[in-house]
N, C-alpha and C. Protein backbone atom coordinates (compact mmCIF):
# COMPACT_ATOMS: atom_id res chain seq x y z
N UNK A 1 101.90 119.41 128.50
CA UNK A 1 100.57 119.05 127.98
C UNK A 1 100.69 118.56 126.54
N UNK A 2 100.04 117.45 126.23
CA UNK A 2 100.10 116.90 124.88
C UNK A 2 99.26 117.75 123.94
N UNK A 3 99.78 118.13 122.76
CA UNK A 3 99.00 118.94 121.82
C UNK A 3 97.74 118.24 121.38
N UNK A 4 96.72 119.00 121.04
CA UNK A 4 95.45 118.43 120.60
C UNK A 4 95.64 117.53 119.39
N UNK A 5 96.52 117.95 118.46
CA UNK A 5 96.74 117.16 117.25
C UNK A 5 97.30 115.78 117.60
N UNK A 6 98.15 115.70 118.61
CA UNK A 6 98.69 114.41 119.01
C UNK A 6 97.61 113.53 119.64
N UNK A 7 96.76 114.15 120.44
CA UNK A 7 95.63 113.40 121.01
C UNK A 7 94.74 112.84 119.92
N UNK A 8 94.47 113.65 118.91
CA UNK A 8 93.63 113.21 117.80
C UNK A 8 94.30 112.07 117.05
N UNK A 9 95.63 112.18 116.87
CA UNK A 9 96.37 111.12 116.17
C UNK A 9 96.32 109.82 116.95
N UNK A 10 96.44 109.89 118.27
CA UNK A 10 96.36 108.68 119.09
C UNK A 10 94.96 108.06 119.01
N UNK A 11 93.94 108.91 119.08
CA UNK A 11 92.56 108.41 119.01
C UNK A 11 92.32 107.72 117.67
N UNK A 12 92.76 108.36 116.58
CA UNK A 12 92.57 107.78 115.25
C UNK A 12 93.33 106.46 115.11
N UNK A 13 94.54 106.41 115.66
CA UNK A 13 95.34 105.19 115.56
C UNK A 13 94.69 104.04 116.32
N UNK A 14 94.19 104.32 117.50
CA UNK A 14 93.62 103.26 118.34
C UNK A 14 92.19 102.91 117.95
N UNK A 15 91.58 103.69 117.04
CA UNK A 15 90.25 103.35 116.55
C UNK A 15 90.28 102.16 115.60
N UNK A 16 91.48 101.81 115.12
CA UNK A 16 91.63 100.68 114.20
C UNK A 16 91.97 99.42 114.97
N UNK A 17 91.16 98.37 114.81
CA UNK A 17 91.40 97.13 115.54
C UNK A 17 92.72 96.47 115.17
N UNK A 18 93.13 96.43 113.87
CA UNK A 18 94.44 95.86 113.56
C UNK A 18 95.58 96.61 114.25
N UNK A 19 95.46 97.94 114.37
CA UNK A 19 96.52 98.70 115.04
C UNK A 19 96.51 98.44 116.54
N UNK A 20 95.33 98.24 117.11
CA UNK A 20 95.29 97.91 118.52
C UNK A 20 95.96 96.55 118.77
N UNK A 21 95.73 95.62 117.85
CA UNK A 21 96.37 94.31 117.97
C UNK A 21 97.89 94.45 117.83
N UNK A 22 98.33 95.28 116.88
CA UNK A 22 99.77 95.48 116.68
C UNK A 22 100.40 96.10 117.91
N UNK A 23 99.73 97.10 118.49
CA UNK A 23 100.26 97.74 119.68
C UNK A 23 100.33 96.76 120.85
N UNK A 24 99.30 95.93 120.99
CA UNK A 24 99.28 94.95 122.07
C UNK A 24 100.43 93.95 121.90
N UNK A 25 100.68 93.55 120.66
CA UNK A 25 101.76 92.60 120.39
C UNK A 25 103.11 93.20 120.75
N UNK A 26 103.33 94.45 120.38
CA UNK A 26 104.60 95.10 120.70
C UNK A 26 104.72 95.35 122.21
N UNK A 27 103.61 95.68 122.85
CA UNK A 27 103.64 95.92 124.29
C UNK A 27 104.01 94.66 125.05
N UNK A 28 103.52 93.52 124.58
CA UNK A 28 103.77 92.25 125.28
C UNK A 28 105.11 91.62 124.92
N UNK A 29 105.71 92.09 123.82
CA UNK A 29 106.97 91.49 123.38
C UNK A 29 108.14 91.97 124.24
N UNK A 30 109.02 91.04 124.58
CA UNK A 30 110.19 91.38 125.40
C UNK A 30 111.28 92.06 124.57
N UNK A 31 111.18 91.94 123.24
CA UNK A 31 112.19 92.54 122.35
C UNK A 31 111.48 93.29 121.23
N UNK A 32 112.14 94.28 120.63
CA UNK A 32 111.56 94.97 119.47
C UNK A 32 111.34 93.99 118.32
N UNK A 33 110.34 94.27 117.50
CA UNK A 33 109.99 93.39 116.39
C UNK A 33 110.03 94.15 115.07
N UNK A 34 110.37 93.46 114.00
CA UNK A 34 110.38 94.04 112.68
C UNK A 34 109.03 93.92 112.00
N UNK A 35 108.87 94.62 110.87
CA UNK A 35 107.60 94.62 110.16
C UNK A 35 107.24 93.23 109.66
N UNK A 36 108.23 92.45 109.24
CA UNK A 36 107.95 91.10 108.74
C UNK A 36 107.39 90.22 109.84
N UNK A 37 108.01 90.26 111.02
CA UNK A 37 107.53 89.46 112.14
C UNK A 37 106.13 89.91 112.56
N UNK A 38 105.88 91.22 112.51
CA UNK A 38 104.56 91.74 112.86
C UNK A 38 103.52 91.26 111.86
N UNK A 39 103.86 91.29 110.57
CA UNK A 39 102.92 90.86 109.53
C UNK A 39 102.53 89.40 109.73
N UNK A 40 103.51 88.55 110.05
CA UNK A 40 103.23 87.13 110.27
C UNK A 40 102.35 86.94 111.50
N UNK A 41 102.67 87.64 112.57
CA UNK A 41 101.92 87.48 113.82
C UNK A 41 100.49 87.97 113.68
N UNK A 42 100.29 89.01 112.87
CA UNK A 42 98.96 89.60 112.72
C UNK A 42 98.18 89.01 111.56
N UNK A 43 98.85 88.20 110.73
CA UNK A 43 98.18 87.62 109.57
C UNK A 43 97.89 88.65 108.50
N UNK A 44 98.81 89.63 108.34
CA UNK A 44 98.62 90.70 107.38
C UNK A 44 99.72 90.66 106.32
N UNK A 45 99.46 91.29 105.19
CA UNK A 45 100.50 91.49 104.19
C UNK A 45 101.53 92.45 104.75
N UNK A 46 102.78 92.30 104.35
CA UNK A 46 103.85 93.14 104.89
C UNK A 46 103.58 94.62 104.65
N UNK A 47 103.01 94.95 103.49
CA UNK A 47 102.71 96.36 103.20
C UNK A 47 101.65 96.90 104.15
N UNK A 48 100.63 96.09 104.42
CA UNK A 48 99.58 96.50 105.35
C UNK A 48 100.13 96.65 106.76
N UNK A 49 101.01 95.72 107.16
CA UNK A 49 101.62 95.81 108.49
C UNK A 49 102.43 97.09 108.62
N UNK A 50 103.20 97.42 107.60
CA UNK A 50 103.99 98.66 107.65
C UNK A 50 103.07 99.88 107.74
N UNK A 51 101.96 99.85 107.01
CA UNK A 51 101.00 100.95 107.04
C UNK A 51 100.51 101.20 108.47
N UNK A 52 100.13 100.13 109.17
CA UNK A 52 99.63 100.27 110.53
C UNK A 52 100.75 100.71 111.49
N UNK A 53 101.95 100.20 111.28
CA UNK A 53 103.07 100.59 112.14
C UNK A 53 103.40 102.07 111.98
N UNK A 54 103.30 102.56 110.75
CA UNK A 54 103.57 103.99 110.52
C UNK A 54 102.55 104.87 111.23
N UNK A 55 101.29 104.44 111.24
CA UNK A 55 100.26 105.20 111.94
C UNK A 55 100.52 105.21 113.45
N UNK A 56 100.88 104.07 113.98
CA UNK A 56 101.17 103.98 115.42
C UNK A 56 102.38 104.83 115.79
N UNK A 57 103.37 104.83 114.91
CA UNK A 57 104.57 105.64 115.17
C UNK A 57 104.25 107.13 115.10
N UNK A 58 103.46 107.52 114.09
CA UNK A 58 103.08 108.93 113.95
C UNK A 58 102.29 109.41 115.16
N UNK A 59 101.53 108.50 115.78
CA UNK A 59 100.74 108.87 116.95
C UNK A 59 101.56 108.84 118.24
N UNK A 60 102.83 108.44 118.13
CA UNK A 60 103.68 108.41 119.31
C UNK A 60 103.46 107.21 120.20
N UNK A 61 102.82 106.17 119.67
CA UNK A 61 102.52 104.99 120.47
C UNK A 61 103.60 103.92 120.37
N UNK A 62 104.38 103.95 119.30
CA UNK A 62 105.52 103.05 119.16
C UNK A 62 106.70 103.86 118.65
N UNK A 63 107.88 103.28 118.75
CA UNK A 63 109.09 103.93 118.24
C UNK A 63 109.92 102.93 117.48
N UNK A 64 110.73 103.44 116.55
CA UNK A 64 111.56 102.54 115.74
C UNK A 64 113.00 102.58 116.21
N UNK A 65 113.67 101.45 115.99
CA UNK A 65 115.09 101.31 116.30
C UNK A 65 115.78 100.77 115.06
N UNK A 66 116.94 101.31 114.74
CA UNK A 66 117.69 100.85 113.59
C UNK A 66 118.82 99.95 114.09
N UNK A 67 118.79 98.71 113.65
CA UNK A 67 119.80 97.75 114.07
C UNK A 67 120.64 97.34 112.87
N UNK A 68 121.94 97.41 113.02
CA UNK A 68 122.85 97.00 111.96
C UNK A 68 123.61 95.75 112.38
N UNK A 69 123.49 94.70 111.56
CA UNK A 69 124.23 93.48 111.86
C UNK A 69 125.71 93.64 111.50
N UNK A 70 126.00 94.53 110.58
CA UNK A 70 127.37 94.79 110.14
C UNK A 70 127.43 96.13 109.45
N UNK A 71 128.45 96.36 108.70
CA UNK A 71 128.61 97.64 108.03
C UNK A 71 127.92 97.68 106.68
N UNK A 72 127.61 96.52 106.09
CA UNK A 72 127.03 96.48 104.76
C UNK A 72 125.54 96.14 104.83
N UNK A 73 124.84 96.50 103.74
CA UNK A 73 123.43 96.16 103.64
C UNK A 73 122.54 97.20 104.31
N UNK A 74 121.25 97.07 104.02
CA UNK A 74 120.29 97.99 104.60
C UNK A 74 120.13 97.74 106.10
N UNK A 75 119.93 98.80 106.87
CA UNK A 75 119.71 98.61 108.31
C UNK A 75 118.38 97.91 108.57
N UNK A 76 118.32 97.15 109.63
CA UNK A 76 117.10 96.42 110.00
C UNK A 76 116.30 97.30 110.95
N UNK A 77 115.07 97.61 110.57
CA UNK A 77 114.22 98.49 111.37
C UNK A 77 113.34 97.65 112.30
N UNK A 78 113.40 97.95 113.57
CA UNK A 78 112.60 97.26 114.57
C UNK A 78 111.70 98.26 115.28
N UNK A 79 110.60 97.75 115.85
CA UNK A 79 109.65 98.62 116.54
C UNK A 79 109.40 98.11 117.96
N UNK A 80 109.15 99.05 118.86
CA UNK A 80 108.78 98.70 120.23
C UNK A 80 107.73 99.69 120.70
N UNK A 81 106.94 99.27 121.69
CA UNK A 81 105.87 100.12 122.21
C UNK A 81 106.45 101.20 123.12
N UNK A 82 105.83 102.36 123.07
CA UNK A 82 106.18 103.43 123.99
C UNK A 82 105.28 103.30 125.21
N UNK A 83 105.87 103.26 126.37
CA UNK A 83 105.08 103.09 127.59
C UNK A 83 104.10 104.24 127.73
N UNK A 84 102.83 103.90 127.95
CA UNK A 84 101.78 104.92 128.13
C UNK A 84 101.20 104.79 129.51
N UNK A 85 100.93 105.89 130.15
CA UNK A 85 100.35 105.82 131.50
C UNK A 85 98.97 105.18 131.49
N UNK A 86 98.81 104.08 132.20
CA UNK A 86 97.53 103.41 132.25
C UNK A 86 96.45 104.30 132.84
N UNK A 87 96.83 105.17 133.77
CA UNK A 87 95.86 106.05 134.40
C UNK A 87 95.23 106.98 133.37
N UNK A 88 96.03 107.45 132.41
CA UNK A 88 95.51 108.35 131.37
C UNK A 88 94.51 107.63 130.48
N UNK A 89 94.80 106.37 130.14
CA UNK A 89 93.89 105.61 129.30
C UNK A 89 92.57 105.37 130.03
N UNK A 90 92.66 105.03 131.30
CA UNK A 90 91.45 104.82 132.08
C UNK A 90 90.63 106.10 132.19
N UNK A 91 91.32 107.22 132.38
CA UNK A 91 90.62 108.50 132.49
C UNK A 91 89.91 108.85 131.20
N UNK A 92 90.55 108.54 130.05
CA UNK A 92 89.92 108.84 128.76
C UNK A 92 88.65 108.00 128.57
N UNK A 93 88.72 106.73 128.93
CA UNK A 93 87.53 105.88 128.81
C UNK A 93 86.43 106.35 129.74
N UNK A 94 86.80 106.73 130.96
CA UNK A 94 85.81 107.22 131.91
C UNK A 94 85.15 108.50 131.41
N UNK A 95 85.95 109.37 130.80
CA UNK A 95 85.40 110.62 130.26
C UNK A 95 84.42 110.31 129.13
N UNK A 96 84.78 109.39 128.24
CA UNK A 96 83.89 109.01 127.13
C UNK A 96 82.57 108.48 127.67
N UNK A 97 82.66 107.62 128.67
CA UNK A 97 81.44 107.04 129.24
C UNK A 97 80.59 108.11 129.93
N UNK A 98 81.26 109.05 130.61
CA UNK A 98 80.52 110.11 131.29
C UNK A 98 79.80 111.02 130.30
N UNK A 99 80.49 111.37 129.21
CA UNK A 99 79.87 112.23 128.19
C UNK A 99 78.68 111.53 127.54
N UNK A 100 78.85 110.25 127.22
CA UNK A 100 77.76 109.49 126.61
C UNK A 100 76.57 109.40 127.55
N UNK A 101 76.83 109.21 128.84
CA UNK A 101 75.75 109.10 129.81
C UNK A 101 74.97 110.41 129.93
N UNK A 102 75.68 111.54 129.91
CA UNK A 102 75.01 112.84 130.02
C UNK A 102 74.18 113.13 128.77
N UNK A 103 74.76 112.88 127.59
CA UNK A 103 74.02 113.10 126.35
C UNK A 103 72.79 112.19 126.31
N UNK A 104 72.93 110.99 126.88
CA UNK A 104 71.82 110.05 126.89
C UNK A 104 70.65 110.49 127.74
N UNK A 105 70.81 111.55 128.52
CA UNK A 105 69.72 112.06 129.33
C UNK A 105 68.73 112.91 128.53
N UNK A 106 69.05 113.20 127.26
CA UNK A 106 68.11 113.93 126.41
C UNK A 106 66.81 113.15 126.27
N UNK A 107 65.75 113.84 125.89
CA UNK A 107 64.44 113.21 125.76
C UNK A 107 64.44 112.05 124.78
N UNK A 108 65.29 112.14 123.74
CA UNK A 108 65.33 111.07 122.73
C UNK A 108 66.45 110.08 123.01
N UNK A 109 66.98 110.11 124.23
CA UNK A 109 68.06 109.20 124.57
C UNK A 109 69.41 109.65 124.03
N UNK A 110 69.46 110.88 123.52
CA UNK A 110 70.71 111.43 123.01
C UNK A 110 70.97 111.14 121.55
N UNK A 111 70.00 110.51 120.87
CA UNK A 111 70.25 110.08 119.49
C UNK A 111 70.50 111.25 118.54
N UNK A 112 69.71 112.30 118.63
CA UNK A 112 69.84 113.41 117.69
C UNK A 112 71.20 114.09 117.80
N UNK A 113 71.61 114.40 119.02
CA UNK A 113 72.90 115.05 119.20
C UNK A 113 74.05 114.12 118.83
N UNK A 114 73.88 112.83 119.11
CA UNK A 114 74.92 111.86 118.77
C UNK A 114 75.08 111.74 117.26
N UNK A 115 73.97 111.75 116.52
CA UNK A 115 74.05 111.70 115.06
C UNK A 115 74.78 112.92 114.53
N UNK A 116 74.48 114.10 115.09
CA UNK A 116 75.18 115.32 114.66
C UNK A 116 76.68 115.23 114.95
N UNK A 117 77.02 114.65 116.09
CA UNK A 117 78.44 114.47 116.42
C UNK A 117 79.12 113.55 115.41
N UNK A 118 78.42 112.47 115.03
CA UNK A 118 78.98 111.57 114.03
C UNK A 118 79.15 112.23 112.68
N UNK A 119 78.20 113.08 112.30
CA UNK A 119 78.29 113.80 111.04
C UNK A 119 79.51 114.73 111.06
N UNK A 120 79.75 115.37 112.19
CA UNK A 120 80.93 116.24 112.31
C UNK A 120 82.21 115.41 112.24
N UNK A 121 82.19 114.24 112.87
CA UNK A 121 83.35 113.34 112.84
C UNK A 121 83.67 112.91 111.41
N UNK A 122 82.64 112.74 110.58
CA UNK A 122 82.83 112.25 109.22
C UNK A 122 83.69 113.19 108.39
N UNK A 123 83.75 114.46 108.76
CA UNK A 123 84.53 115.43 108.00
C UNK A 123 86.01 115.04 107.96
N UNK A 124 86.48 114.34 108.99
CA UNK A 124 87.88 113.93 109.03
C UNK A 124 88.19 112.85 107.99
N UNK A 125 87.16 112.17 107.51
CA UNK A 125 87.36 111.09 106.54
C UNK A 125 86.83 111.43 105.15
N UNK A 126 86.28 112.62 104.98
CA UNK A 126 85.61 112.97 103.72
C UNK A 126 86.56 112.93 102.54
N UNK A 127 87.76 113.49 102.70
CA UNK A 127 88.70 113.53 101.59
C UNK A 127 89.13 112.13 101.17
N UNK A 128 89.43 111.28 102.15
CA UNK A 128 89.83 109.91 101.83
C UNK A 128 88.68 109.14 101.18
N UNK A 129 87.46 109.36 101.66
CA UNK A 129 86.30 108.67 101.08
C UNK A 129 86.08 109.12 99.64
N UNK A 130 86.26 110.41 99.39
CA UNK A 130 86.08 110.95 98.04
C UNK A 130 87.12 110.36 97.10
N UNK A 131 88.36 110.18 97.58
CA UNK A 131 89.41 109.61 96.75
C UNK A 131 89.07 108.17 96.36
N UNK A 132 88.54 107.41 97.30
CA UNK A 132 88.14 106.03 97.02
C UNK A 132 87.00 106.02 96.02
N UNK A 133 86.04 106.94 96.20
CA UNK A 133 84.89 107.01 95.31
C UNK A 133 85.32 107.37 93.89
N UNK A 134 86.32 108.25 93.77
CA UNK A 134 86.78 108.71 92.46
C UNK A 134 87.66 107.69 91.77
N UNK A 135 88.57 107.07 92.55
CA UNK A 135 89.56 106.19 91.97
C UNK A 135 89.12 104.74 91.88
N UNK A 136 88.09 104.38 92.66
CA UNK A 136 87.67 102.98 92.72
C UNK A 136 87.01 102.52 91.43
N UNK A 137 86.96 101.21 91.21
CA UNK A 137 86.32 100.66 90.01
C UNK A 137 84.81 100.84 90.05
N UNK A 138 84.22 100.89 88.88
CA UNK A 138 82.76 101.01 88.81
C UNK A 138 82.13 99.74 89.35
N UNK A 139 80.97 99.92 89.98
CA UNK A 139 80.29 98.76 90.57
C UNK A 139 78.82 98.80 90.21
N UNK A 140 78.17 97.65 90.31
CA UNK A 140 76.75 97.55 90.04
C UNK A 140 75.99 97.37 91.34
N UNK A 141 74.66 97.52 91.27
CA UNK A 141 73.85 97.29 92.45
C UNK A 141 73.42 98.58 93.10
N UNK A 142 72.47 98.51 94.03
CA UNK A 142 71.95 99.69 94.70
C UNK A 142 73.03 100.38 95.53
N UNK A 143 73.12 101.70 95.37
CA UNK A 143 74.08 102.51 96.12
C UNK A 143 75.50 102.00 95.94
N UNK A 144 75.81 101.41 94.75
CA UNK A 144 77.09 100.75 94.54
C UNK A 144 78.27 101.71 94.69
N UNK A 145 78.13 102.95 94.19
CA UNK A 145 79.26 103.86 94.27
C UNK A 145 79.48 104.39 95.68
N UNK A 146 78.52 104.19 96.57
CA UNK A 146 78.69 104.58 97.97
C UNK A 146 79.41 103.50 98.77
N UNK A 147 79.31 102.25 98.32
CA UNK A 147 79.83 101.14 99.09
C UNK A 147 81.35 101.18 99.27
N UNK A 148 82.16 101.35 98.20
CA UNK A 148 83.62 101.30 98.39
C UNK A 148 84.15 102.33 99.40
N UNK A 149 83.74 103.62 99.32
CA UNK A 149 84.26 104.55 100.33
C UNK A 149 83.79 104.24 101.74
N UNK A 150 82.55 103.77 101.88
CA UNK A 150 82.07 103.39 103.21
C UNK A 150 82.89 102.24 103.77
N UNK A 151 83.12 101.22 102.96
CA UNK A 151 83.91 100.08 103.40
C UNK A 151 85.32 100.52 103.78
N UNK A 152 85.89 101.43 102.99
CA UNK A 152 87.25 101.89 103.26
C UNK A 152 87.34 102.58 104.62
N UNK A 153 86.43 103.51 104.89
CA UNK A 153 86.46 104.26 106.14
C UNK A 153 86.14 103.35 107.33
N UNK A 154 85.14 102.50 107.18
CA UNK A 154 84.78 101.60 108.27
C UNK A 154 85.91 100.62 108.59
N UNK A 155 86.65 100.20 107.56
CA UNK A 155 87.81 99.34 107.77
C UNK A 155 88.90 100.10 108.51
N UNK A 156 89.14 101.33 108.10
CA UNK A 156 90.17 102.16 108.73
C UNK A 156 89.89 102.37 110.21
N UNK A 157 88.64 102.56 110.58
CA UNK A 157 88.29 102.79 111.97
C UNK A 157 88.36 101.51 112.79
N UNK A 158 88.12 100.35 112.15
CA UNK A 158 88.25 99.09 112.86
C UNK A 158 86.98 98.28 112.99
N UNK A 159 85.96 98.55 112.14
CA UNK A 159 84.70 97.83 112.21
C UNK A 159 84.74 96.49 111.48
N UNK A 160 85.79 96.24 110.71
CA UNK A 160 85.92 95.01 109.93
C UNK A 160 84.63 94.72 109.15
N UNK A 161 84.25 95.63 108.25
CA UNK A 161 82.98 95.48 107.53
C UNK A 161 83.04 94.42 106.45
N UNK A 162 81.90 93.79 106.19
CA UNK A 162 81.77 92.79 105.13
C UNK A 162 80.51 93.11 104.33
N UNK A 163 80.66 93.23 103.02
CA UNK A 163 79.52 93.53 102.16
C UNK A 163 78.72 92.27 101.91
N UNK A 164 77.42 92.32 102.17
CA UNK A 164 76.55 91.17 101.93
C UNK A 164 76.28 91.03 100.44
N UNK A 165 75.78 89.89 100.03
CA UNK A 165 75.67 89.54 98.61
C UNK A 165 74.83 90.53 97.83
N UNK A 166 73.77 91.08 98.41
CA UNK A 166 72.88 91.96 97.65
C UNK A 166 73.43 93.38 97.55
N UNK A 167 74.60 93.64 98.13
CA UNK A 167 75.26 94.94 98.08
C UNK A 167 74.40 96.05 98.67
N UNK A 168 73.43 95.72 99.47
CA UNK A 168 72.62 96.74 100.13
C UNK A 168 72.74 96.65 101.65
N UNK A 169 73.57 95.71 102.12
CA UNK A 169 73.78 95.54 103.55
C UNK A 169 75.27 95.36 103.83
N UNK A 170 75.78 96.10 104.79
CA UNK A 170 77.16 95.95 105.24
C UNK A 170 77.12 95.38 106.66
N UNK A 171 77.79 94.27 106.86
CA UNK A 171 77.87 93.67 108.19
C UNK A 171 79.11 94.21 108.90
N UNK A 172 78.92 94.74 110.10
CA UNK A 172 80.03 95.20 110.93
C UNK A 172 80.35 94.08 111.91
N UNK A 173 81.46 93.40 111.67
CA UNK A 173 81.79 92.22 112.45
C UNK A 173 82.65 92.52 113.68
N UNK A 174 83.07 93.77 113.81
CA UNK A 174 83.84 94.20 114.98
C UNK A 174 83.46 95.63 115.29
N UNK A 175 83.74 96.06 116.52
CA UNK A 175 83.46 97.45 116.90
C UNK A 175 84.51 97.89 117.90
N UNK A 176 85.31 98.92 117.57
CA UNK A 176 86.32 99.40 118.50
C UNK A 176 85.74 100.10 119.71
N UNK A 177 84.42 100.33 119.69
CA UNK A 177 83.76 101.01 120.80
C UNK A 177 82.67 100.13 121.41
N UNK A 178 82.86 98.81 121.34
CA UNK A 178 81.78 97.91 121.74
C UNK A 178 81.42 98.06 123.22
N UNK A 179 82.42 98.21 124.09
CA UNK A 179 82.12 98.34 125.52
C UNK A 179 81.27 99.57 125.79
N UNK A 180 81.65 100.70 125.15
CA UNK A 180 80.88 101.93 125.33
C UNK A 180 79.49 101.80 124.71
N UNK A 181 79.41 101.11 123.56
CA UNK A 181 78.12 100.95 122.87
C UNK A 181 77.16 100.11 123.70
N UNK A 182 77.67 99.12 124.39
CA UNK A 182 76.79 98.29 125.22
C UNK A 182 76.22 99.10 126.38
N UNK A 183 77.02 100.03 126.91
CA UNK A 183 76.57 100.83 128.04
C UNK A 183 75.59 101.92 127.63
N UNK A 184 75.85 102.53 126.44
CA UNK A 184 75.02 103.64 125.96
C UNK A 184 74.77 103.47 124.46
N UNK A 185 74.00 102.46 124.05
CA UNK A 185 73.83 102.19 122.62
C UNK A 185 73.16 103.32 121.87
N UNK A 186 72.18 104.00 122.48
CA UNK A 186 71.51 105.09 121.77
C UNK A 186 72.49 106.16 121.36
N UNK A 187 73.44 106.46 122.22
CA UNK A 187 74.41 107.52 121.95
C UNK A 187 75.51 107.02 121.03
N UNK A 188 76.21 105.98 121.43
CA UNK A 188 77.39 105.53 120.69
C UNK A 188 77.02 105.03 119.29
N UNK A 189 75.98 104.21 119.19
CA UNK A 189 75.58 103.70 117.87
C UNK A 189 75.06 104.82 116.98
N UNK A 190 74.43 105.83 117.57
CA UNK A 190 73.95 106.97 116.79
C UNK A 190 75.11 107.79 116.25
N UNK A 191 76.21 107.86 117.00
CA UNK A 191 77.41 108.54 116.49
C UNK A 191 77.90 107.83 115.23
N UNK A 192 77.91 106.50 115.27
CA UNK A 192 78.37 105.73 114.11
C UNK A 192 77.42 105.92 112.93
N UNK A 193 76.13 105.98 113.21
CA UNK A 193 75.16 106.23 112.14
C UNK A 193 75.40 107.61 111.54
N UNK A 194 75.62 108.61 112.39
CA UNK A 194 75.89 109.95 111.90
C UNK A 194 77.16 110.02 111.05
N UNK A 195 78.16 109.24 111.44
CA UNK A 195 79.39 109.16 110.65
C UNK A 195 79.09 108.71 109.23
N UNK A 196 78.30 107.64 109.10
CA UNK A 196 78.00 107.11 107.77
C UNK A 196 77.10 108.05 106.98
N UNK A 197 76.15 108.68 107.65
CA UNK A 197 75.29 109.65 106.97
C UNK A 197 76.11 110.84 106.48
N UNK A 198 77.03 111.32 107.31
CA UNK A 198 77.87 112.45 106.91
C UNK A 198 78.73 112.11 105.72
N UNK A 199 79.29 110.91 105.71
CA UNK A 199 80.10 110.48 104.56
C UNK A 199 79.25 110.40 103.30
N UNK A 200 78.05 109.85 103.42
CA UNK A 200 77.17 109.73 102.27
C UNK A 200 76.85 111.10 101.69
N UNK A 201 76.52 112.05 102.54
CA UNK A 201 76.19 113.40 102.05
C UNK A 201 77.40 114.07 101.40
N UNK A 202 78.58 113.85 101.97
CA UNK A 202 79.78 114.46 101.39
C UNK A 202 80.07 113.91 99.99
N UNK A 203 79.53 112.73 99.69
CA UNK A 203 79.72 112.10 98.38
C UNK A 203 78.53 112.32 97.45
N UNK A 204 77.60 113.18 97.87
CA UNK A 204 76.47 113.52 97.01
C UNK A 204 75.31 112.58 97.07
N UNK A 205 75.12 111.89 98.20
CA UNK A 205 74.03 110.94 98.35
C UNK A 205 72.99 111.46 99.35
N UNK A 206 71.77 110.99 99.17
CA UNK A 206 70.72 111.22 100.16
C UNK A 206 70.92 110.18 101.26
N UNK A 207 71.29 110.64 102.44
CA UNK A 207 71.67 109.72 103.51
C UNK A 207 70.50 109.23 104.34
N UNK A 208 69.30 109.70 104.07
CA UNK A 208 68.17 109.37 104.94
C UNK A 208 67.82 107.89 104.92
N UNK A 209 68.20 107.20 103.85
CA UNK A 209 67.87 105.78 103.76
C UNK A 209 68.87 104.86 104.43
N UNK A 210 69.94 105.43 104.99
CA UNK A 210 70.93 104.60 105.70
C UNK A 210 70.42 104.32 107.11
N UNK A 211 70.45 103.07 107.49
CA UNK A 211 69.98 102.68 108.83
C UNK A 211 70.99 101.73 109.46
N UNK A 212 71.16 101.86 110.75
CA UNK A 212 72.07 100.99 111.50
C UNK A 212 71.25 100.11 112.44
N UNK A 213 71.44 98.81 112.31
CA UNK A 213 70.75 97.84 113.17
C UNK A 213 71.80 97.25 114.13
N UNK A 214 71.89 97.81 115.33
CA UNK A 214 72.96 97.38 116.24
C UNK A 214 72.67 96.07 116.94
N UNK A 215 73.74 95.36 117.24
CA UNK A 215 73.68 94.13 118.05
C UNK A 215 72.62 93.14 117.56
N UNK A 216 72.66 92.87 116.26
CA UNK A 216 71.84 91.79 115.71
C UNK A 216 72.26 90.49 116.38
N UNK A 217 73.55 90.37 116.59
CA UNK A 217 74.13 89.34 117.44
C UNK A 217 75.14 90.06 118.34
N UNK A 218 75.62 89.42 119.37
CA UNK A 218 76.51 90.13 120.31
C UNK A 218 77.70 90.82 119.66
N UNK A 219 78.19 90.27 118.55
CA UNK A 219 79.34 90.88 117.89
C UNK A 219 79.03 91.25 116.44
N UNK A 220 77.78 91.53 116.14
CA UNK A 220 77.40 91.85 114.76
C UNK A 220 76.37 92.97 114.71
N UNK A 221 76.66 94.00 113.90
CA UNK A 221 75.70 95.06 113.60
C UNK A 221 75.54 95.12 112.08
N UNK A 222 74.38 95.57 111.61
CA UNK A 222 74.11 95.64 110.17
C UNK A 222 73.82 97.06 109.75
N UNK A 223 74.40 97.45 108.62
CA UNK A 223 74.14 98.76 108.01
C UNK A 223 73.30 98.52 106.77
N UNK A 224 72.12 99.10 106.74
CA UNK A 224 71.22 98.95 105.58
C UNK A 224 71.32 100.22 104.74
N UNK A 225 71.57 100.03 103.45
CA UNK A 225 71.76 101.14 102.53
C UNK A 225 70.50 101.41 101.73
N UNK A 226 70.34 102.66 101.37
CA UNK A 226 69.18 103.08 100.57
C UNK A 226 69.27 102.47 99.19
N UNK A 227 68.12 102.02 98.67
CA UNK A 227 68.10 101.43 97.33
C UNK A 227 68.50 102.42 96.25
N UNK A 228 68.03 103.64 96.35
CA UNK A 228 68.37 104.68 95.38
C UNK A 228 68.85 105.87 96.17
N UNK A 229 70.14 105.92 96.43
CA UNK A 229 70.66 106.90 97.39
C UNK A 229 71.28 108.12 96.75
N UNK A 230 71.46 108.13 95.44
CA UNK A 230 72.14 109.27 94.83
C UNK A 230 71.19 110.44 94.68
N UNK A 231 71.67 111.63 95.05
CA UNK A 231 70.84 112.83 94.95
C UNK A 231 70.66 113.21 93.49
N UNK A 232 69.43 113.52 93.11
CA UNK A 232 69.17 113.91 91.71
C UNK A 232 69.70 115.32 91.46
């Protein structure tokens, strides 16, 4: 039986769209690939590519191979995908859909419980968000000090967020849970809202003004931030 911590690591790794792309590339490749080749194929900086590869390796989804062309020089590190049972992946998706469907039977469509679940999920990112908030540069605009940590966490999960010009709206241009969200938007989108509210509260903000506008377009959701979100 796989330990719970490993399951959590796999879930966290696959929640990132760049890492899903990296894993797909390695899965489809007939030969192991190095970080440089991965960076070029994914359109990422080499440091960013290595970051994602390390997460995938820690989750047990890929493995590294050390290749030496000769006796001198640094060894060349290559990566390949670890075969994963397709049945297990299908079962996990089916379980997620089943849980969302049951929660959605609540009188409010499951929104309240889903928000609470998202708030609990946010605890896993609170420390990283706080570090970004503390170390990041000062910014202007409404809820400006909340924006950098939110962008950081949303990027890590795979939403590919983009800050709009007025700094009060974040556009989510991708969603790692889009299929599930289309089937049960009240539940899945409310989990994402709860995640952002939980992060805001952990950083000392009043989260009530945060709102999520899902599926403004088929591949676009908008996050509206409170004009004055810091708790007095």
